[in-house]
Amino acid sequence: MGVDREKLSRRIMAIAAAAPLAAPALIKRKEQRNQNRRAIFRFGTLIMADRSQLSCIIKDISENGARIGIEGADRLPERLILKLNYTGARRRARVAWRRDNEAGLSFAMEQAPTSIQGTGPG
């Protein structure tokens, strides 16, 4: 079987003239967070309600959340505590999204206790 060079040449020209396709993983997603995150790549610990713990990698972090790397991200509970191993700080968090071996955490806003009316001296 011989190679039809004319046909091959036409096919190569058609491929070269075609518009490039964007790979889904390379399509830039619209930024949905208000705070810029900074890359840190540090170890962290996830603490569940039953006190069980899982190690993770904190890939980036901001005041409002973090992106972590962890096997089994799809099995994480909705609420947990993220311990930053490098400082010891702990943040209450909600899992905002899960994808492959990553998860996005949204930190709970800590609220100051409110005073209860009618409990003062009187």
PDB file of N, CA and C in Angstrom:
ATOM      1  N   MET A   1       0.836  -1.181   0.000  1.00  0.00           N
ATOM      2  CA  MET A   1       0.000   0.000   0.000  1.00  0.00           C
ATOM      3  C   MET A   1       0.880   1.243   0.000  1.00  0.00           C
ATOM      4  N   GLY A   2       0.666   2.043  -0.996  1.00  0.00           N
ATOM      5  CA  GLY A   2       1.414   3.280  -1.098  1.00  0.00           C
ATOM      6  C   GLY A   2       0.711   4.413  -0.373  1.00  0.00           C
ATOM      7  N   VAL A   3       1.467   5.410  -0.022  1.00  0.00           N
ATOM      8  CA  VAL A   3       0.921   6.575   0.647  1.00  0.00           C
ATOM      9  C   VAL A   3       0.457   7.564  -0.411  1.00  0.00           C
ATOM     10  N   ASP A   4      -0.780   8.009  -0.310  1.00  0.00           N
ATOM     11  CA  ASP A   4      -1.306   9.008  -1.232  1.00  0.00           C
ATOM     12  C   ASP A   4      -0.842  10.369  -0.716  1.00  0.00           C
ATOM     13  N   ARG A   5       0.297  10.842  -1.238  1.00  0.00           N
ATOM     14  CA  ARG A   5       0.912  12.078  -0.751  1.00  0.00           C
ATOM     15  C   ARG A   5       0.012  13.293  -0.960  1.00  0.00           C
ATOM     16  N   GLU A   6      -0.741  13.289  -2.023  1.00  0.00           N
ATOM     17  CA  GLU A   6      -1.667  14.403  -2.278  1.00  0.00           C
ATOM     18  C   GLU A   6      -2.735  14.482  -1.189  1.00  0.00           C
ATOM     19  N   LYS A   7      -3.320  13.349  -0.876  1.00  0.00           N
ATOM     20  CA  LYS A   7      -4.367  13.295   0.158  1.00  0.00           C
ATOM     21  C   LYS A   7      -3.792  13.661   1.532  1.00  0.00           C
ATOM     22  N   LEU A   8      -2.617  13.136   1.833  1.00  0.00           N
ATOM     23  CA  LEU A   8      -1.959  13.426   3.100  1.00  0.00           C
ATOM     24  C   LEU A   8      -1.640  14.915   3.208  1.00  0.00           C
ATOM     25  N   SER A   9      -1.178  15.509   2.136  1.00  0.00           N
ATOM     26  CA  SER A   9      -0.853  16.927   2.119  1.00  0.00           C
ATOM     27  C   SER A   9      -2.098  17.783   2.363  1.00  0.00           C
ATOM     28  N   ARG A  10      -3.222  17.428   1.723  1.00  0.00           N
ATOM     29  CA  ARG A  10      -4.475  18.166   1.918  1.00  0.00           C
ATOM     30  C   ARG A  10      -4.934  18.060   3.375  1.00  0.00           C
ATOM     31  N   ARG A  11      -4.800  16.897   3.951  1.00  0.00           N
ATOM     32  CA  ARG A  11      -5.226  16.692   5.345  1.00  0.00           C
ATOM     33  C   ARG A  11      -4.379  17.519   6.312  1.00  0.00           C
ATOM     34  N   ILE A  12      -3.074  17.525   6.084  1.00  0.00           N
ATOM     35  CA  ILE A  12      -2.185  18.316   6.941  1.00  0.00           C
ATOM     36  C   ILE A  12      -2.502  19.801   6.819  1.00  0.00           C
ATOM     37  N   MET A  13      -2.781  20.277   5.608  1.00  0.00           N
ATOM     38  CA  MET A  13      -3.131  21.683   5.397  1.00  0.00           C
ATOM     39  C   MET A  13      -4.438  22.030   6.107  1.00  0.00           C
ATOM     40  N   ALA A  14      -5.416  21.116   6.073  1.00  0.00           N
ATOM     41  CA  ALA A  14      -6.702  21.353   6.729  1.00  0.00           C
ATOM     42  C   ALA A  14      -6.523  21.428   8.252  1.00  0.00           C
ATOM     43  N   ILE A  15      -5.697  20.559   8.788  1.00  0.00           N
ATOM     44  CA  ILE A  15      -5.443  20.568  10.234  1.00  0.00           C
ATOM     45  C   ILE A  15      -4.739  21.864  10.631  1.00  0.00           C
ATOM     46  N   ALA A  16      -3.748  22.286   9.831  1.00  0.00           N
ATOM     47  CA  ALA A  16      -3.003  23.503  10.134  1.00  0.00           C
ATOM     48  C   ALA A  16      -3.891  24.742  10.065  1.00  0.00           C
ATOM     49  N   ALA A  17      -4.898  24.731   9.193  1.00  0.00           N
ATOM     50  CA  ALA A  17      -5.772  25.894   9.019  1.00  0.00           C
ATOM     51  C   ALA A  17      -6.896  25.942  10.053  1.00  0.00           C
ATOM     52  N   ALA A  18      -7.163  24.838  10.704  1.00  0.00           N
ATOM     53  CA  ALA A  18      -8.267  24.783  11.664  1.00  0.00           C
ATOM     54  C   ALA A  18      -7.951  25.615  12.900  1.00  0.00           C
ATOM     55  N   ALA A  19      -9.007  26.137  13.505  1.00  0.00           N
ATOM     56  CA  ALA A  19      -8.847  26.906  14.741  1.00  0.00           C
ATOM     57  C   ALA A  19      -8.418  25.976  15.864  1.00  0.00           C
ATOM     58  N   PRO A  20      -7.509  26.440  16.734  1.00  0.00           N
ATOM     59  CA  PRO A  20      -7.066  25.574  17.845  1.00  0.00           C
ATOM     60  C   PRO A  20      -8.200  25.331  18.831  1.00  0.00           C
ATOM     61  N   LEU A  21      -8.195  24.154  19.421  1.00  0.00           N
ATOM     62  CA  LEU A  21      -9.189  23.800  20.433  1.00  0.00           C
ATOM     63  C   LEU A  21      -8.614  24.079  21.808  1.00  0.00           C
ATOM     64  N   ALA A  22      -9.441  24.593  22.691  1.00  0.00           N
ATOM     65  CA  ALA A  22      -9.013  24.829  24.069  1.00  0.00           C
ATOM     66  C   ALA A  22      -9.234  23.561  24.878  1.00  0.00           C
ATOM     67  N   ALA A  23      -8.218  23.134  25.573  1.00  0.00           N
ATOM     68  CA  ALA A  23      -8.354  21.967  26.446  1.00  0.00           C
ATOM     69  C   ALA A  23      -9.166  22.385  27.669  1.00  0.00           C
ATOM     70  N   PRO A  24     -10.140  21.573  28.101  1.00  0.00           N
ATOM     71  CA  PRO A  24     -10.982  21.951  29.242  1.00  0.00           C
ATOM     72  C   PRO A  24     -10.194  22.317  30.487  1.00  0.00           C
ATOM     73  N   ALA A  25      -9.098  21.624  30.755  1.00  0.00           N
ATOM     74  CA  ALA A  25      -8.326  21.909  31.966  1.00  0.00           C
ATOM     75  C   ALA A  25      -7.615  23.258  31.881  1.00  0.00           C
ATOM     76  N   LEU A  26      -7.454  23.784  30.663  1.00  0.00           N
ATOM     77  CA  LEU A  26      -6.724  25.029  30.498  1.00  0.00           C
ATOM     78  C   LEU A  26      -7.632  26.245  30.392  1.00  0.00           C
ATOM     79  N   ILE A  27      -8.932  26.032  30.342  1.00  0.00           N
ATOM     80  CA  ILE A  27      -9.856  27.150  30.253  1.00  0.00           C
ATOM     81  C   ILE A  27      -9.872  27.869  31.586  1.00  0.00           C
ATOM     82  N   LYS A  28      -9.630  29.163  31.559  1.00  0.00           N
ATOM     83  CA  LYS A  28      -9.587  29.933  32.803  1.00  0.00           C
ATOM     84  C   LYS A  28     -10.988  30.097  33.351  1.00  0.00           C
ATOM     85  N   ARG A  29     -11.145  29.730  34.624  1.00  0.00           N
ATOM     86  CA  ARG A  29     -12.430  29.883  35.294  1.00  0.00           C
ATOM     87  C   ARG A  29     -12.568  31.293  35.832  1.00  0.00           C
ATOM     88  N   LYS A  30     -13.781  31.774  35.881  1.00  0.00           N
ATOM     89  CA  LYS A  30     -14.062  33.088  36.441  1.00  0.00           C
ATOM     90  C   LYS A  30     -13.745  33.061  37.930  1.00  0.00           C
ATOM     91  N   GLU A  31     -13.003  34.045  38.366  1.00  0.00           N
ATOM     92  CA  GLU A  31     -12.634  34.141  39.776  1.00  0.00           C
ATOM     93  C   GLU A  31     -13.870  34.473  40.597  1.00  0.00           C
ATOM     94  N   GLN A  32     -14.175  33.660  41.613  1.00  0.00           N
ATOM     95  CA  GLN A  32     -15.374  33.856  42.404  1.00  0.00           C
ATOM     96  C   GLN A  32     -15.073  34.343  43.817  1.00  0.00           C
ATOM     97  N   ARG A  33     -13.824  34.487  44.161  1.00  0.00           N
ATOM     98  CA  ARG A  33     -13.521  34.894  45.526  1.00  0.00           C
ATOM     99  C   ARG A  33     -13.166  36.377  45.569  1.00  0.00           C
ATOM    100  N   ASN A  34     -13.395  36.979  46.732  1.00  0.00           N
ATOM    101  CA  ASN A  34     -13.132  38.401  46.907  1.00  0.00           C
ATOM    102  C   ASN A  34     -11.693  38.671  47.334  1.00  0.00           C
ATOM    103  N   GLN A  35     -11.064  37.732  47.978  1.00  0.00           N
ATOM    104  CA  GLN A  35      -9.706  37.899  48.483  1.00  0.00           C
ATOM    105  C   GLN A  35      -8.724  37.156  47.585  1.00  0.00           C
ATOM    106  N   ASN A  36      -7.561  37.743  47.369  1.00  0.00           N
ATOM    107  CA  ASN A  36      -6.524  37.045  46.629  1.00  0.00           C
ATOM    108  C   ASN A  36      -5.909  35.984  47.523  1.00  0.00           C
ATOM    109  N   ARG A  37      -5.678  34.835  46.948  1.00  0.00           N
ATOM    110  CA  ARG A  37      -5.032  33.768  47.705  1.00  0.00           C
ATOM    111  C   ARG A  37      -3.550  33.765  47.385  1.00  0.00           C
ATOM    112  N   ARG A  38      -2.763  33.351  48.360  1.00  0.00           N
ATOM    113  CA  ARG A  38      -1.328  33.245  48.126  1.00  0.00           C
ATOM    114  C   ARG A  38      -0.913  31.784  48.232  1.00  0.00           C
ATOM    115  N   ALA A  39      -0.059  31.360  47.324  1.00  0.00           N
ATOM    116  CA  ALA A  39       0.420  29.981  47.316  1.00  0.00           C
ATOM    117  C   ALA A  39       1.337  29.765  48.512  1.00  0.00           C
ATOM    118  N   ILE A  40       1.125  28.656  49.229  1.00  0.00           N
ATOM    119  CA  ILE A  40       1.997  28.380  50.378  1.00  0.00           C
ATOM    120  C   ILE A  40       2.551  26.960  50.381  1.00  0.00           C
ATOM    121  N   PHE A  41       1.812  25.988  49.878  1.00  0.00           N
ATOM    122  CA  PHE A  41       2.243  24.585  49.851  1.00  0.00           C
ATOM    123  C   PHE A  41       2.862  24.156  51.183  1.00  0.00           C
ATOM    124  N   ARG A  42       2.013  24.142  52.220  1.00  0.00           N
ATOM    125  CA  ARG A  42       2.419  23.714  53.561  1.00  0.00           C
ATOM    126  C   ARG A  42       1.513  22.587  54.027  1.00  0.00           C
ATOM    127  N   PHE A  43       1.977  21.851  55.027  1.00  0.00           N
ATOM    128  CA  PHE A  43       1.174  20.768  55.578  1.00  0.00           C
ATOM    129  C   PHE A  43       0.076  21.328  56.470  1.00  0.00           C
ATOM    130  N   GLY A  44      -1.072  20.660  56.433  1.00  0.00           N
ATOM    131  CA  GLY A  44      -2.190  21.001  57.292  1.00  0.00           C
ATOM    132  C   GLY A  44      -2.839  19.725  57.796  1.00  0.00           C
ATOM    133  N   THR A  45      -3.744  19.884  58.748  1.00  0.00           N
ATOM    134  CA  THR A  45      -4.494  18.754  59.287  1.00  0.00           C
ATOM    135  C   THR A  45      -5.966  19.114  59.288  1.00  0.00           C
ATOM    136  N   LEU A  46      -6.800  18.218  58.780  1.00  0.00           N
ATOM    137  CA  LEU A  46      -8.240  18.410  58.815  1.00  0.00           C
ATOM    138  C   LEU A  46      -8.775  17.661  60.026  1.00  0.00           C
ATOM    139  N   ILE A  47      -9.555  18.343  60.845  1.00  0.00           N
ATOM    140  CA  ILE A  47     -10.119  17.729  62.042  1.00  0.00           C
ATOM    141  C   ILE A  47     -11.625  17.647  61.852  1.00  0.00           C
ATOM    142  N   MET A  48     -12.161  16.419  61.895  1.00  0.00           N
ATOM    143  CA  MET A  48     -13.586  16.196  61.692  1.00  0.00           C
ATOM    144  C   MET A  48     -14.340  16.287  63.009  1.00  0.00           C
ATOM    145  N   ALA A  49     -15.661  16.296  62.930  1.00  0.00           N
ATOM    146  CA  ALA A  49     -16.516  16.387  64.121  1.00  0.00           C
ATOM    147  C   ALA A  49     -16.271  15.233  65.091  1.00  0.00           C
ATOM    148  N   ASP A  50     -15.936  14.050  64.566  1.00  0.00           N
ATOM    149  CA  ASP A  50     -15.695  12.893  65.436  1.00  0.00           C
ATOM    150  C   ASP A  50     -14.254  12.861  65.970  1.00  0.00           C
ATOM    151  N   ARG A  51     -13.521  13.956  65.777  1.00  0.00           N
ATOM    152  CA  ARG A  51     -12.137  14.136  66.223  1.00  0.00           C
ATOM    153  C   ARG A  51     -11.117  13.367  65.376  1.00  0.00           C
ATOM    154  N   SER A  52     -11.557  12.675  64.326  1.00  0.00           N
ATOM    155  CA  SER A  52     -10.595  12.019  63.444  1.00  0.00           C
ATOM    156  C   SER A  52      -9.848  13.095  62.661  1.00  0.00           C
ATOM    157  N   GLN A  53      -8.626  12.755  62.230  1.00  0.00           N
ATOM    158  CA  GLN A  53      -7.792  13.733  61.553  1.00  0.00           C
ATOM    159  C   GLN A  53      -7.233  13.166  60.264  1.00  0.00           C
ATOM    160  N   LEU A  54      -7.070  14.040  59.273  1.00  0.00           N
ATOM    161  CA  LEU A  54      -6.468  13.681  57.996  1.00  0.00           C
ATOM    162  C   LEU A  54      -5.428  14.725  57.636  1.00  0.00           C
ATOM    163  N   SER A  55      -4.289  14.284  57.136  1.00  0.00           N
ATOM    164  CA  SER A  55      -3.267  15.217  56.679  1.00  0.00           C
ATOM    165  C   SER A  55      -3.621  15.721  55.289  1.00  0.00           C
ATOM    166  N   CYS A  56      -3.230  16.950  55.013  1.00  0.00           N
ATOM    167  CA  CYS A  56      -3.474  17.536  53.693  1.00  0.00           C
ATOM    168  C   CYS A  56      -2.340  18.493  53.372  1.00  0.00           C
ATOM    169  N   ILE A  57      -2.334  18.961  52.135  1.00  0.00           N
ATOM    170  CA  ILE A  57      -1.417  20.003  51.705  1.00  0.00           C
ATOM    171  C   ILE A  57      -2.251  21.253  51.471  1.00  0.00           C
ATOM    172  N   ILE A  58      -1.885  22.338  52.107  1.00  0.00           N
ATOM    173  CA  ILE A  58      -2.558  23.613  51.870  1.00  0.00           C
ATOM    174  C   ILE A  58      -1.835  24.250  50.682  1.00  0.00           C
ATOM    175  N   LYS A  59      -2.540  24.329  49.564  1.00  0.00           N
ATOM    176  CA  LYS A  59      -1.912  24.829  48.339  1.00  0.00           C
ATOM    177  C   LYS A  59      -1.936  26.343  48.252  1.00  0.00           C
ATOM    178  N   ASP A  60      -3.048  26.944  48.611  1.00  0.00           N
ATOM    179  CA  ASP A  60      -3.110  28.393  48.708  1.00  0.00           C
ATOM    180  C   ASP A  60      -4.133  28.784  49.753  1.00  0.00           C
ATOM    181  N   ILE A  61      -4.021  30.034  50.225  1.00  0.00           N
ATOM    182  CA  ILE A  61      -4.839  30.458  51.351  1.00  0.00           C
ATOM    183  C   ILE A  61      -5.097  31.960  51.274  1.00  0.00           C
ATOM    184  N   SER A  62      -6.231  32.378  51.818  1.00  0.00           N
ATOM    185  CA  SER A  62      -6.568  33.794  51.974  1.00  0.00           C
ATOM    186  C   SER A  62      -7.264  33.947  53.322  1.00  0.00           C
ATOM    187  N   GLU A  63      -7.726  35.149  53.621  1.00  0.00           N
ATOM    188  CA  GLU A  63      -8.461  35.361  54.864  1.00  0.00           C
ATOM    189  C   GLU A  63      -9.764  34.567  54.881  1.00  0.00           C
ATOM    190  N   ASN A  64     -10.345  34.341  53.696  1.00  0.00           N
ATOM    191  CA  ASN A  64     -11.673  33.724  53.621  1.00  0.00           C
ATOM    192  C   ASN A  64     -11.688  32.246  53.268  1.00  0.00           C
ATOM    193  N   GLY A  65     -10.558  31.674  52.881  1.00  0.00           N
ATOM    194  CA  GLY A  65     -10.590  30.271  52.495  1.00  0.00           C
ATOM    195  C   GLY A  65      -9.245  29.729  52.071  1.00  0.00           C
ATOM    196  N   ALA A  66      -9.258  28.489  51.619  1.00  0.00           N
ATOM    197  CA  ALA A  66      -8.028  27.826  51.202  1.00  0.00           C
ATOM    198  C   ALA A  66      -8.353  26.751  50.176  1.00  0.00           C
ATOM    199  N   ARG A  67      -7.343  26.402  49.391  1.00  0.00           N
ATOM    200  CA  ARG A  67      -7.442  25.257  48.480  1.00  0.00           C
ATOM    201  C   ARG A  67      -6.476  24.222  49.021  1.00  0.00           C
ATOM    202  N   ILE A  68      -6.999  23.015  49.228  1.00  0.00           N
ATOM    203  CA  ILE A  68      -6.170  21.951  49.793  1.00  0.00           C
ATOM    204  C   ILE A  68      -6.064  20.786  48.822  1.00  0.00           C
ATOM    205  N   GLY A  69      -4.996  20.052  48.951  1.00  0.00           N
ATOM    206  CA  GLY A  69      -4.819  18.810  48.223  1.00  0.00           C
ATOM    207  C   GLY A  69      -4.956  17.659  49.205  1.00  0.00           C
ATOM    208  N   ILE A  70      -5.824  16.706  48.856  1.00  0.00           N
ATOM    209  CA  ILE A  70      -6.048  15.565  49.741  1.00  0.00           C
ATOM    210  C   ILE A  70      -6.649  14.425  48.936  1.00  0.00           C
ATOM    211  N   GLU A  71      -6.172  13.224  49.164  1.00  0.00           N
ATOM    212  CA  GLU A  71      -6.796  12.058  48.534  1.00  0.00           C
ATOM    213  C   GLU A  71      -8.174  11.861  49.121  1.00  0.00           C
ATOM    214  N   GLY A  72      -9.131  11.536  48.291  1.00  0.00           N
ATOM    215  CA  GLY A  72     -10.481  11.291  48.774  1.00  0.00           C
ATOM    216  C   GLY A  72     -11.230  12.560  49.116  1.00  0.00           C
ATOM    217  N   ALA A  73     -10.953  13.639  48.398  1.00  0.00           N
ATOM    218  CA  ALA A  73     -11.636  14.908  48.661  1.00  0.00           C
ATOM    219  C   ALA A  73     -13.153  14.766  48.562  1.00  0.00           C
ATOM    220  N   ASP A  74     -13.599  13.838  47.743  1.00  0.00           N
ATOM    221  CA  ASP A  74     -15.044  13.640  47.568  1.00  0.00           C
ATOM    222  C   ASP A  74     -15.711  13.056  48.815  1.00  0.00           C
ATOM    223  N   ARG A  75     -14.919  12.548  49.745  1.00  0.00           N
ATOM    224  CA  ARG A  75     -15.486  11.954  50.961  1.00  0.00           C
ATOM    225  C   ARG A  75     -15.395  12.869  52.178  1.00  0.00           C
ATOM    226  N   LEU A  76     -14.939  14.093  51.994  1.00  0.00           N
ATOM    227  CA  LEU A  76     -14.836  15.013  53.128  1.00  0.00           C
ATOM    228  C   LEU A  76     -16.218  15.436  53.607  1.00  0.00           C
ATOM    229  N   PRO A  77     -16.382  15.620  54.922  1.00  0.00           N
ATOM    230  CA  PRO A  77     -17.665  16.127  55.426  1.00  0.00           C
ATOM    231  C   PRO A  77     -17.822  17.597  55.040  1.00  0.00           C
ATOM    232  N   GLU A  78     -19.032  18.091  55.133  1.00  0.00           N
ATOM    233  CA  GLU A  78     -19.296  19.481  54.743  1.00  0.00           C
ATOM    234  C   GLU A  78     -18.580  20.476  55.655  1.00  0.00           C
ATOM    235  N   ARG A  79     -18.511  20.178  56.947  1.00  0.00           N
ATOM    236  CA  ARG A  79     -17.876  21.093  57.905  1.00  0.00           C
ATOM    237  C   ARG A  79     -16.721  20.391  58.609  1.00  0.00           C
ATOM    238  N   LEU A  80     -15.642  21.149  58.841  1.00  0.00           N
ATOM    239  CA  LEU A  80     -14.455  20.614  59.493  1.00  0.00           C
ATOM    240  C   LEU A  80     -13.606  21.760  60.015  1.00  0.00           C
ATOM    241  N   ILE A  81     -12.479  21.425  60.611  1.00  0.00           N
ATOM    242  CA  ILE A  81     -11.524  22.425  61.082  1.00  0.00           C
ATOM    243  C   ILE A  81     -10.218  22.183  60.339  1.00  0.00           C
ATOM    244  N   LEU A  82      -9.632  23.251  59.820  1.00  0.00           N
ATOM    245  CA  LEU A  82      -8.325  23.173  59.175  1.00  0.00           C
ATOM    246  C   LEU A  82      -7.287  23.692  60.155  1.00  0.00           C
ATOM    247  N   LYS A  83      -6.329  22.836  60.495  1.00  0.00           N
ATOM    248  CA  LYS A  83      -5.213  23.243  61.365  1.00  0.00           C
ATOM    249  C   LYS A  83      -4.024  23.518  60.463  1.00  0.00           C
ATOM    250  N   LEU A  84      -3.452  24.712  60.607  1.00  0.00           N
ATOM    251  CA  LEU A  84      -2.256  25.085  59.860  1.00  0.00           C
ATOM    252  C   LEU A  84      -1.056  24.589  60.655  1.00  0.00           C
ATOM    253  N   ASN A  85      -0.451  23.498  60.226  1.00  0.00           N
ATOM    254  CA  ASN A  85       0.619  22.867  61.006  1.00  0.00           C
ATOM    255  C   ASN A  85       1.805  23.799  61.239  1.00  0.00           C
ATOM    256  N   TYR A  86       2.067  24.708  60.315  1.00  0.00           N
ATOM    257  CA  TYR A  86       3.234  25.565  60.446  1.00  0.00           C
ATOM    258  C   TYR A  86       3.045  26.674  61.479  1.00  0.00           C
ATOM    259  N   THR A  87       1.802  26.983  61.873  1.00  0.00           N
ATOM    260  CA  THR A  87       1.570  27.999  62.909  1.00  0.00           C
ATOM    261  C   THR A  87       0.773  27.450  64.088  1.00  0.00           C
ATOM    262  N   GLY A  88       0.062  26.359  63.872  1.00  0.00           N
ATOM    263  CA  GLY A  88      -0.794  25.811  64.910  1.00  0.00           C
ATOM    264  C   GLY A  88      -2.188  26.423  64.913  1.00  0.00           C
ATOM    265  N   ALA A  89      -2.415  27.442  64.080  1.00  0.00           N
ATOM    266  CA  ALA A  89      -3.728  28.102  64.029  1.00  0.00           C
ATOM    267  C   ALA A  89      -4.775  27.135  63.484  1.00  0.00           C
ATOM    268  N   ARG A  90      -5.999  27.310  63.936  1.00  0.00           N
ATOM    269  CA  ARG A  90      -7.117  26.483  63.488  1.00  0.00           C
ATOM    270  C   ARG A  90      -8.211  27.387  62.949  1.00  0.00           C
ATOM    271  N   ARG A  91      -8.838  26.953  61.855  1.00  0.00           N
ATOM    272  CA  ARG A  91      -9.932  27.706  61.255  1.00  0.00           C
ATOM    273  C   ARG A  91     -11.103  26.775  60.989  1.00  0.00           C
ATOM    274  N   ARG A  92     -12.295  27.179  61.426  1.00  0.00           N
ATOM    275  CA  ARG A  92     -13.502  26.427  61.083  1.00  0.00           C
ATOM    276  C   ARG A  92     -13.775  26.654  59.610  1.00  0.00           C
ATOM    277  N   ALA A  93     -14.160  25.583  58.912  1.00  0.00           N
ATOM    278  CA  ALA A  93     -14.334  25.711  57.470  1.00  0.00           C
ATOM    279  C   ALA A  93     -15.504  24.867  56.974  1.00  0.00           C
ATOM    280  N   ARG A  94     -16.007  25.276  55.828  1.00  0.00           N
ATOM    281  CA  ARG A  94     -17.030  24.543  55.083  1.00  0.00           C
ATOM    282  C   ARG A  94     -16.404  24.170  53.758  1.00  0.00           C
ATOM    283  N   VAL A  95     -16.635  22.944  53.306  1.00  0.00           N
ATOM    284  CA  VAL A  95     -16.120  22.530  52.003  1.00  0.00           C
ATOM    285  C   VAL A  95     -17.011  23.160  50.933  1.00  0.00           C
ATOM    286  N   ALA A  96     -16.432  24.059  50.146  1.00  0.00           N
ATOM    287  CA  ALA A  96     -17.176  24.791  49.121  1.00  0.00           C
ATOM    288  C   ALA A  96     -17.242  24.014  47.811  1.00  0.00           C
ATOM    289  N   TRP A  97     -16.188  23.266  47.497  1.00  0.00           N
ATOM    290  CA  TRP A  97     -16.160  22.464  46.278  1.00  0.00           C
ATOM    291  C   TRP A  97     -15.160  21.328  46.442  1.00  0.00           C
ATOM    292  N   ARG A  98     -15.346  20.293  45.623  1.00  0.00           N
ATOM    293  CA  ARG A  98     -14.466  19.123  45.607  1.00  0.00           C
ATOM    294  C   ARG A  98     -14.201  18.764  44.161  1.00  0.00           C
ATOM    295  N   ARG A  99     -12.948  18.498  43.823  1.00  0.00           N
ATOM    296  CA  ARG A  99     -12.610  18.113  42.456  1.00  0.00           C
ATOM    297  C   ARG A  99     -11.339  17.257  42.502  1.00  0.00           C
ATOM    298  N   ASP A 100     -11.452  16.042  41.994  1.00  0.00           N
ATOM    299  CA  ASP A 100     -10.323  15.109  41.993  1.00  0.00           C
ATOM    300  C   ASP A 100      -9.732  15.011  43.403  1.00  0.00           C
ATOM    301  N   ASN A 101      -8.465  15.365  43.553  1.00  0.00           N
ATOM    302  CA  ASN A 101      -7.809  15.295  44.856  1.00  0.00           C
ATOM    303  C   ASN A 101      -7.588  16.689  45.439  1.00  0.00           C
ATOM    304  N   GLU A 102      -8.552  17.571  45.205  1.00  0.00           N
ATOM    305  CA  GLU A 102      -8.497  18.921  45.755  1.00  0.00           C
ATOM    306  C   GLU A 102      -9.859  19.302  46.324  1.00  0.00           C
ATOM    307  N   ALA A 103      -9.833  20.252  47.241  1.00  0.00           N
ATOM    308  CA  ALA A 103     -11.073  20.794  47.792  1.00  0.00           C
ATOM    309  C   ALA A 103     -10.856  22.269  48.105  1.00  0.00           C
ATOM    310  N   GLY A 104     -11.917  23.035  47.968  1.00  0.00           N
ATOM    311  CA  GLY A 104     -11.888  24.441  48.330  1.00  0.00           C
ATOM    312  C   GLY A 104     -12.609  24.617  49.653  1.00  0.00           C
ATOM    313  N   LEU A 105     -11.960  25.290  50.583  1.00  0.00           N
ATOM    314  CA  LEU A 105     -12.548  25.525  51.899  1.00  0.00           C
ATOM    315  C   LEU A 105     -12.916  26.987  52.038  1.00  0.00           C
ATOM    316  N   SER A 106     -14.065  27.235  52.616  1.00  0.00           N
ATOM    317  CA  SER A 106     -14.511  28.579  52.936  1.00  0.00           C
ATOM    318  C   SER A 106     -14.500  28.692  54.455  1.00  0.00           C
ATOM    319  N   PHE A 107     -13.712  29.642  54.970  1.00  0.00           N
ATOM    320  CA  PHE A 107     -13.591  29.768  56.414  1.00  0.00           C
ATOM    321  C   PHE A 107     -14.841  30.409  56.992  1.00  0.00           C
ATOM    322  N   ALA A 108     -15.274  29.880  58.137  1.00  0.00           N
ATOM    323  CA  ALA A 108     -16.422  30.442  58.845  1.00  0.00           C
ATOM    324  C   ALA A 108     -15.997  31.763  59.460  1.00  0.00           C
ATOM    325  N   MET A 109     -16.851  32.724  59.352  1.00  0.00           N
ATOM    326  CA  MET A 109     -16.565  34.026  59.954  1.00  0.00           C
ATOM    327  C   MET A 109     -16.853  33.932  61.448  1.00  0.00           C
ATOM    328  N   GLU A 110     -15.836  34.155  62.238  1.00  0.00           N
ATOM    329  CA  GLU A 110     -15.995  34.095  63.693  1.00  0.00           C
ATOM    330  C   GLU A 110     -16.763  35.333  64.137  1.00  0.00           C
ATOM    331  N   GLN A 111     -17.797  35.142  64.916  1.00  0.00           N
ATOM    332  CA  GLN A 111     -18.591  36.264  65.391  1.00  0.00           C
ATOM    333  C   GLN A 111     -18.340  36.482  66.871  1.00  0.00           C
ATOM    334  N   ALA A 112     -18.241  37.752  67.247  1.00  0.00           N
ATOM    335  CA  ALA A 112     -18.085  38.088  68.660  1.00  0.00           C
ATOM    336  C   ALA A 112     -19.404  37.818  69.366  1.00  0.00           C
ATOM    337  N   PRO A 113     -19.357  37.367  70.617  1.00  0.00           N
ATOM    338  CA  PRO A 113     -20.610  37.122  71.339  1.00  0.00           C
ATOM    339  C   PRO A 113     -21.416  38.409  71.463  1.00  0.00           C
ATOM    340  N   THR A 114     -22.694  38.291  71.315  1.00  0.00           N
ATOM    341  CA  THR A 114     -23.557  39.462  71.450  1.00  0.00           C
ATOM    342  C   THR A 114     -24.079  39.525  72.873  1.00  0.00           C
ATOM    343  N   SER A 115     -24.299  40.730  73.339  1.00  0.00           N
ATOM    344  CA  SER A 115     -24.822  40.867  74.706  1.00  0.00           C
ATOM    345  C   SER A 115     -26.310  40.555  74.707  1.00  0.00           C
ATOM    346  N   ILE A 116     -26.781  39.996  75.787  1.00  0.00           N
ATOM    347  CA  ILE A 116     -28.197  39.661  75.927  1.00  0.00           C
ATOM    348  C   ILE A 116     -28.851  40.785  76.697  1.00  0.00           C
ATOM    349  N   GLN A 117     -29.888  41.348  76.126  1.00  0.00           N
ATOM    350  CA  GLN A 117     -30.587  42.476  76.752  1.00  0.00           C
ATOM    351  C   GLN A 117     -31.266  42.040  78.054  1.00  0.00           C
ATOM    352  N   GLY A 118     -31.270  42.904  79.003  1.00  0.00           N
ATOM    353  CA  GLY A 118     -31.992  42.652  80.241  1.00  0.00           C
ATOM    354  C   GLY A 118     -31.240  41.820  81.251  1.00  0.00           C
ATOM    355  N   THR A 119     -29.909  41.604  81.036  1.00  0.00           N
ATOM    356  CA  THR A 119     -29.162  40.801  82.002  1.00  0.00           C
ATOM    357  C   THR A 119     -28.259  41.645  82.882  1.00  0.00           C
ATOM    358  N   GLY A 120     -28.305  42.960  82.728  1.00  0.00           N
ATOM    359  CA  GLY A 120     -27.441  43.828  83.522  1.00  0.00           C
ATOM    360  C   GLY A 120     -28.041  44.075  84.902  1.00  0.00           C
ATOM    361  N   PRO A 121     -27.299  44.800  85.765  1.00  0.00           N
ATOM    362  CA  PRO A 121     -27.809  45.108  87.094  1.00  0.00           C
ATOM    363  C   PRO A 121     -29.044  45.984  87.002  1.00  0.00           C
ATOM    364  N   GLY A 122     -29.873  45.847  87.904  1.00  0.00           N
ATOM    365  CA  GLY A 122     -31.024  46.707  87.798  1.00  0.00           C
ATOM    366  C   GLY A 122     -32.008  46.429  88.778  1.00  0.00           C
TER     367      GLY A 122
END
